[in-house]
Amino acid sequence: MRYTAAIDSEPKLAALVDAAQDEPVFIERGQQEVAVLVSAREYDRLSSAANLDFQEFCDSVSDKAAARGLTESKLSELLNNA
Protein backbone atom coordinates (compact mmCIF):
# COMPACT_ATOMS: atom_id res chain seq x y z
CA MET A 1 0.00 0.00 0.00
CA ARG A 2 1.08 3.53 -0.63
CA TYR A 3 0.77 6.48 1.77
CA THR A 4 0.83 10.22 1.13
CA ALA A 5 0.01 13.39 3.07
CA ALA A 6 -3.16 15.27 2.06
CA ILE A 7 -1.17 18.45 1.50
CA ASP A 8 0.99 16.66 -1.09
CA SER A 9 -1.88 15.04 -2.97
CA GLU A 10 -3.02 17.81 -5.30
CA PRO A 11 0.26 18.45 -7.15
CA LYS A 12 0.75 14.77 -7.86
CA LEU A 13 -2.83 13.59 -8.30
CA ALA A 14 -2.18 12.10 -11.75
CA ALA A 15 0.67 9.97 -10.37
CA LEU A 16 -1.49 8.88 -7.42
CA VAL A 17 -4.31 7.87 -9.76
CA ASP A 18 -1.80 5.83 -11.77
CA ALA A 19 -0.49 4.19 -8.58
CA ALA A 20 -4.05 3.38 -7.47
CA GLN A 21 -4.46 1.16 -10.54
CA ASP A 22 -2.11 -1.31 -8.87
CA GLU A 23 -2.75 -0.80 -5.16
CA PRO A 24 -4.76 1.36 -2.75
CA VAL A 25 -3.21 4.75 -1.98
CA PHE A 26 -3.83 5.96 1.56
CA ILE A 27 -3.94 9.72 2.13
CA GLU A 28 -2.86 10.92 5.54
CA ARG A 29 -3.50 14.13 7.40
CA GLY A 30 -1.53 14.64 10.58
CA GLN A 31 -0.35 11.01 10.63
CA GLN A 32 -3.93 9.72 10.41
CA GLU A 33 -5.41 7.92 7.42
CA VAL A 34 -8.27 10.09 6.15
CA ALA A 35 -8.95 8.72 2.65
CA VAL A 36 -8.12 5.89 0.30
CA LEU A 37 -7.78 6.20 -3.46
CA VAL A 38 -8.64 2.99 -5.31
CA SER A 39 -9.08 2.18 -8.98
CA ALA A 40 -12.56 2.17 -10.48
CA ARG A 41 -12.14 -1.58 -11.08
CA GLU A 42 -11.40 -2.19 -7.39
CA TYR A 43 -14.29 0.07 -6.31
CA ASP A 44 -16.68 -1.91 -8.55
CA ARG A 45 -15.38 -5.19 -7.10
CA LEU A 46 -15.85 -3.99 -3.52
CA SER A 47 -19.30 -2.55 -4.25
CA SER A 48 -20.46 -5.75 -5.94
CA ALA A 49 -19.19 -7.87 -3.06
CA ALA A 50 -20.92 -5.64 -0.50
CA ASN A 51 -24.19 -5.75 -2.44
CA LEU A 52 -24.04 -9.52 -2.70
CA ASP A 53 -23.29 -9.87 1.02
CA PHE A 54 -26.19 -7.57 1.89
CA GLN A 55 -28.59 -9.48 -0.38
CA GLU A 56 -27.53 -12.79 1.20
CA PHE A 57 -28.09 -11.28 4.65
CA CYS A 58 -31.58 -10.06 3.68
CA ASP A 59 -32.47 -13.44 2.21
CA SER A 60 -31.32 -15.16 5.41
CA VAL A 61 -33.40 -12.84 7.60
CA SER A 62 -36.40 -13.33 5.33
CA ASP A 63 -36.08 -17.13 5.49
CA LYS A 64 -35.81 -17.08 9.29
CA ALA A 65 -38.81 -14.76 9.61
CA ALA A 66 -40.90 -16.94 7.31
CA ALA A 67 -39.91 -20.06 9.28
CA ARG A 68 -41.21 -18.34 12.42
CA GLY A 69 -44.54 -17.53 10.76
CA LEU A 70 -44.03 -13.95 9.66
CA THR A 71 -46.03 -13.17 6.54
CA GLU A 72 -46.26 -10.05 4.40
CA SER A 73 -49.63 -9.18 5.96
CA LYS A 74 -48.34 -9.67 9.53
CA LEU A 75 -45.31 -7.53 8.75
CA SER A 76 -47.50 -4.82 7.27
CA GLU A 77 -49.73 -4.89 10.35
CA LEU A 78 -46.73 -4.62 12.67
CA LEU A 79 -45.30 -1.69 10.71
CA ASN A 80 -48.64 0.15 10.61
CA ASN A 81 -49.05 -0.22 14.40
CA ALA A 82 -45.55 1.01 15.19
Foldseek 3Di string as FASTA:
>chain_A
DAEEEPVPCVVCVVVQQVVQAPPKYFYDHPPDGDDIDHHPVVVVVVVVVVVVVVVVVVVVVVVVCVVVPDDPVNVVVVVVVD
